[in-house]
């Protein structure tokens, strides 16, 4: 991913989609049509601690994923807050 440093910065600044599966993490997605198919999205996962963000990882993806696992993790966190 070294050769995509500028794309990673751009993905965080101007994402196509942001998903927050957990309250301290965000998944930033951006589509880059010039990348080879099937991986045309860059995903950057950022963890937030005391209002500071840290990039955990970044990689190429085929599509934006909003899976049942992510939804389930979010539900569990919300349930814990209510209890």
N, C-alpha and C. Protein backbone atom coordinates (compact mmCIF):
# COMPACT_ATOMS: atom_id res chain seq x y z
N UNK A 1 0.82 -1.20 0.00
CA UNK A 1 0.00 0.00 0.00
C UNK A 1 0.87 1.27 0.00
N UNK A 2 2.17 1.11 0.07
CA UNK A 2 3.05 2.28 0.07
C UNK A 2 2.83 3.19 -1.12
N UNK A 3 2.56 2.59 -2.27
CA UNK A 3 2.40 3.40 -3.47
C UNK A 3 1.07 4.14 -3.50
N UNK A 4 0.19 3.90 -2.53
CA UNK A 4 -1.12 4.55 -2.48
C UNK A 4 -1.23 5.57 -1.34
N UNK A 5 -0.13 6.11 -0.88
CA UNK A 5 -0.14 7.04 0.26
C UNK A 5 -1.07 8.24 -0.01
N UNK A 6 -0.99 8.83 -1.18
CA UNK A 6 -1.84 9.99 -1.50
C UNK A 6 -3.31 9.60 -1.54
N UNK A 7 -3.60 8.40 -2.08
CA UNK A 7 -4.98 7.92 -2.12
C UNK A 7 -5.52 7.67 -0.71
N UNK A 8 -4.67 7.17 0.17
CA UNK A 8 -5.08 6.93 1.56
C UNK A 8 -5.44 8.26 2.23
N UNK A 9 -4.59 9.26 2.05
CA UNK A 9 -4.89 10.58 2.61
C UNK A 9 -6.20 11.14 2.06
N UNK A 10 -6.38 10.99 0.75
CA UNK A 10 -7.60 11.48 0.10
C UNK A 10 -8.83 10.72 0.57
N UNK A 11 -8.68 9.42 0.82
CA UNK A 11 -9.80 8.61 1.29
C UNK A 11 -10.29 9.10 2.65
N UNK A 12 -9.38 9.49 3.52
CA UNK A 12 -9.76 10.00 4.84
C UNK A 12 -10.38 11.40 4.72
N UNK A 13 -9.82 12.23 3.87
CA UNK A 13 -10.32 13.61 3.72
C UNK A 13 -11.65 13.68 2.96
N UNK A 14 -11.80 12.86 1.92
CA UNK A 14 -12.98 12.92 1.04
C UNK A 14 -13.53 11.52 0.76
N UNK A 15 -14.02 10.84 1.79
CA UNK A 15 -14.49 9.46 1.56
C UNK A 15 -15.81 9.42 0.80
N UNK A 16 -16.04 8.33 0.10
CA UNK A 16 -17.34 8.09 -0.52
C UNK A 16 -18.32 7.58 0.53
N UNK A 17 -17.80 6.86 1.52
CA UNK A 17 -18.65 6.26 2.55
C UNK A 17 -17.84 6.11 3.83
N UNK A 18 -18.50 6.39 4.96
CA UNK A 18 -17.89 6.15 6.27
C UNK A 18 -18.82 5.22 7.03
N UNK A 19 -18.26 4.13 7.55
CA UNK A 19 -19.03 3.19 8.35
C UNK A 19 -18.41 3.17 9.74
N UNK A 20 -19.26 3.25 10.77
CA UNK A 20 -18.78 3.21 12.15
C UNK A 20 -19.31 1.96 12.84
N UNK A 21 -18.62 0.83 12.69
CA UNK A 21 -19.12 -0.40 13.32
C UNK A 21 -18.99 -0.36 14.85
N UNK A 22 -17.99 0.31 15.34
CA UNK A 22 -17.80 0.49 16.77
C UNK A 22 -17.60 1.98 17.02
N UNK A 23 -17.83 2.42 18.22
CA UNK A 23 -17.79 3.85 18.49
C UNK A 23 -16.41 4.48 18.39
N UNK A 24 -15.37 3.68 18.51
CA UNK A 24 -14.03 4.26 18.45
C UNK A 24 -13.30 3.93 17.14
N UNK A 25 -14.03 3.35 16.16
CA UNK A 25 -13.42 3.00 14.86
C UNK A 25 -14.29 3.52 13.73
N UNK A 26 -13.64 3.90 12.65
CA UNK A 26 -14.35 4.28 11.44
C UNK A 26 -13.69 3.63 10.24
N UNK A 27 -14.53 3.18 9.30
CA UNK A 27 -14.07 2.59 8.05
C UNK A 27 -14.33 3.60 6.95
N UNK A 28 -13.28 4.09 6.32
CA UNK A 28 -13.39 5.08 5.24
C UNK A 28 -13.20 4.37 3.90
N UNK A 29 -14.16 4.53 3.01
CA UNK A 29 -14.09 3.92 1.67
C UNK A 29 -14.06 5.01 0.60
N UNK A 30 -13.28 4.77 -0.43
CA UNK A 30 -13.26 5.66 -1.59
C UNK A 30 -13.01 4.82 -2.84
N UNK A 31 -13.78 5.12 -3.88
CA UNK A 31 -13.66 4.42 -5.15
C UNK A 31 -12.65 5.13 -6.04
N UNK A 32 -11.72 4.38 -6.59
CA UNK A 32 -10.74 4.89 -7.54
C UNK A 32 -10.86 4.06 -8.81
N UNK A 33 -11.50 4.62 -9.81
CA UNK A 33 -11.79 3.88 -11.04
C UNK A 33 -10.53 3.47 -11.80
N UNK A 34 -9.43 4.16 -11.58
CA UNK A 34 -8.20 3.82 -12.31
C UNK A 34 -7.46 2.62 -11.73
N UNK A 35 -7.88 2.14 -10.56
CA UNK A 35 -7.25 0.94 -9.99
C UNK A 35 -7.73 -0.29 -10.76
N UNK A 36 -6.89 -1.30 -10.80
CA UNK A 36 -7.25 -2.53 -11.51
C UNK A 36 -8.44 -3.21 -10.85
N UNK A 37 -9.34 -3.69 -11.69
CA UNK A 37 -10.48 -4.44 -11.16
C UNK A 37 -9.98 -5.78 -10.64
N UNK A 38 -10.57 -6.39 -9.67
CA UNK A 38 -11.83 -6.01 -9.03
C UNK A 38 -11.66 -5.05 -7.87
N UNK A 39 -10.45 -4.80 -7.42
CA UNK A 39 -10.23 -3.97 -6.22
C UNK A 39 -10.13 -2.49 -6.56
N UNK A 40 -11.27 -1.84 -6.63
CA UNK A 40 -11.27 -0.43 -6.98
C UNK A 40 -11.54 0.50 -5.81
N UNK A 41 -11.75 -0.06 -4.64
CA UNK A 41 -11.97 0.76 -3.44
C UNK A 41 -10.75 0.68 -2.54
N UNK A 42 -10.43 1.80 -1.92
CA UNK A 42 -9.43 1.80 -0.86
C UNK A 42 -10.21 1.93 0.44
N UNK A 43 -9.89 1.04 1.38
CA UNK A 43 -10.48 1.07 2.71
C UNK A 43 -9.40 1.47 3.70
N UNK A 44 -9.70 2.47 4.50
CA UNK A 44 -8.78 2.90 5.56
C UNK A 44 -9.53 2.78 6.88
N UNK A 45 -8.99 2.00 7.81
CA UNK A 45 -9.62 1.83 9.12
C UNK A 45 -8.87 2.70 10.11
N UNK A 46 -9.64 3.58 10.77
CA UNK A 46 -9.06 4.54 11.70
C UNK A 46 -9.66 4.31 13.08
N UNK A 47 -8.81 4.26 14.09
CA UNK A 47 -9.26 4.13 15.48
C UNK A 47 -9.09 5.48 16.16
N UNK A 48 -10.09 5.87 16.94
CA UNK A 48 -10.07 7.16 17.63
C UNK A 48 -9.92 6.94 19.13
N UNK A 49 -9.01 7.71 19.73
CA UNK A 49 -8.77 7.66 21.15
C UNK A 49 -8.54 9.08 21.62
N UNK A 50 -9.37 9.56 22.52
CA UNK A 50 -9.27 10.93 23.02
C UNK A 50 -9.27 11.95 21.89
N UNK A 51 -10.16 11.76 20.93
CA UNK A 51 -10.33 12.65 19.77
C UNK A 51 -9.15 12.67 18.80
N UNK A 52 -8.19 11.78 18.98
CA UNK A 52 -7.09 11.64 18.03
C UNK A 52 -7.32 10.37 17.22
N UNK A 53 -7.11 10.46 15.90
CA UNK A 53 -7.30 9.30 15.03
C UNK A 53 -5.97 8.67 14.65
N UNK A 54 -5.96 7.35 14.60
CA UNK A 54 -4.77 6.59 14.23
C UNK A 54 -5.16 5.58 13.16
N UNK A 55 -4.42 5.57 12.07
CA UNK A 55 -4.70 4.59 11.03
C UNK A 55 -4.25 3.22 11.51
N UNK A 56 -5.19 2.28 11.55
CA UNK A 56 -4.87 0.91 11.95
C UNK A 56 -4.35 0.14 10.75
N UNK A 57 -5.08 0.22 9.63
CA UNK A 57 -4.69 -0.49 8.42
C UNK A 57 -5.39 0.13 7.22
N UNK A 58 -4.92 -0.24 6.05
CA UNK A 58 -5.59 0.16 4.81
C UNK A 58 -5.32 -0.94 3.78
N UNK A 59 -6.31 -1.15 2.93
CA UNK A 59 -6.13 -2.14 1.87
C UNK A 59 -7.15 -1.93 0.77
N UNK A 60 -6.97 -2.68 -0.32
CA UNK A 60 -7.86 -2.59 -1.46
C UNK A 60 -9.04 -3.53 -1.26
N UNK A 61 -10.21 -3.07 -1.69
CA UNK A 61 -11.44 -3.85 -1.56
C UNK A 61 -12.20 -3.86 -2.87
N UNK A 62 -13.02 -4.89 -3.07
CA UNK A 62 -13.87 -4.99 -4.25
C UNK A 62 -15.07 -4.06 -4.16
N UNK A 63 -15.63 -3.96 -2.95
CA UNK A 63 -16.85 -3.18 -2.75
C UNK A 63 -16.94 -2.72 -1.30
N UNK A 64 -17.89 -1.86 -1.05
CA UNK A 64 -18.14 -1.42 0.32
C UNK A 64 -18.87 -2.55 1.03
N UNK A 65 -18.33 -2.94 2.16
CA UNK A 65 -18.91 -4.08 2.89
C UNK A 65 -19.62 -3.58 4.16
N UNK A 66 -20.86 -3.92 4.25
CA UNK A 66 -21.66 -3.63 5.45
C UNK A 66 -22.28 -4.95 5.84
N UNK A 67 -21.49 -5.78 6.49
CA UNK A 67 -21.87 -7.17 6.73
C UNK A 67 -22.69 -7.32 8.01
N UNK A 68 -23.27 -8.50 8.14
CA UNK A 68 -24.01 -8.81 9.37
C UNK A 68 -23.12 -8.76 10.58
N UNK A 69 -21.87 -9.15 10.42
CA UNK A 69 -20.92 -9.14 11.55
C UNK A 69 -20.76 -7.71 12.08
N UNK A 70 -20.61 -6.76 11.18
CA UNK A 70 -20.45 -5.36 11.59
C UNK A 70 -21.73 -4.87 12.26
N UNK A 71 -22.88 -5.18 11.69
CA UNK A 71 -24.15 -4.78 12.28
C UNK A 71 -24.31 -5.41 13.66
N UNK A 72 -23.94 -6.68 13.80
CA UNK A 72 -24.05 -7.38 15.08
C UNK A 72 -23.13 -6.74 16.13
N UNK A 73 -21.90 -6.41 15.76
CA UNK A 73 -20.97 -5.76 16.69
C UNK A 73 -21.56 -4.44 17.19
N UNK A 74 -22.16 -3.68 16.28
CA UNK A 74 -22.74 -2.40 16.64
C UNK A 74 -23.92 -2.60 17.60
N UNK A 75 -24.75 -3.60 17.34
CA UNK A 75 -25.90 -3.90 18.19
C UNK A 75 -25.45 -4.27 19.60
N UNK A 76 -24.41 -5.10 19.71
CA UNK A 76 -23.90 -5.51 21.02
C UNK A 76 -23.40 -4.30 21.80
N UNK A 77 -22.68 -3.40 21.12
CA UNK A 77 -22.16 -2.20 21.80
C UNK A 77 -23.30 -1.31 22.29
N UNK A 78 -24.35 -1.16 21.47
CA UNK A 78 -25.49 -0.34 21.87
C UNK A 78 -26.21 -0.98 23.06
N UNK A 79 -26.33 -2.29 23.05
CA UNK A 79 -27.00 -3.01 24.11
C UNK A 79 -26.24 -2.83 25.43
N UNK A 80 -24.91 -2.87 25.38
CA UNK A 80 -24.09 -2.68 26.58
C UNK A 80 -24.27 -1.28 27.16
N UNK A 81 -24.40 -0.28 26.29
CA UNK A 81 -24.57 1.10 26.75
C UNK A 81 -25.91 1.29 27.47
N UNK A 82 -26.95 0.63 26.98
CA UNK A 82 -28.28 0.76 27.57
C UNK A 82 -28.33 0.09 28.94
N UNK A 83 -27.63 -1.03 29.10
CA UNK A 83 -27.66 -1.79 30.37
C UNK A 83 -27.02 -1.04 31.50
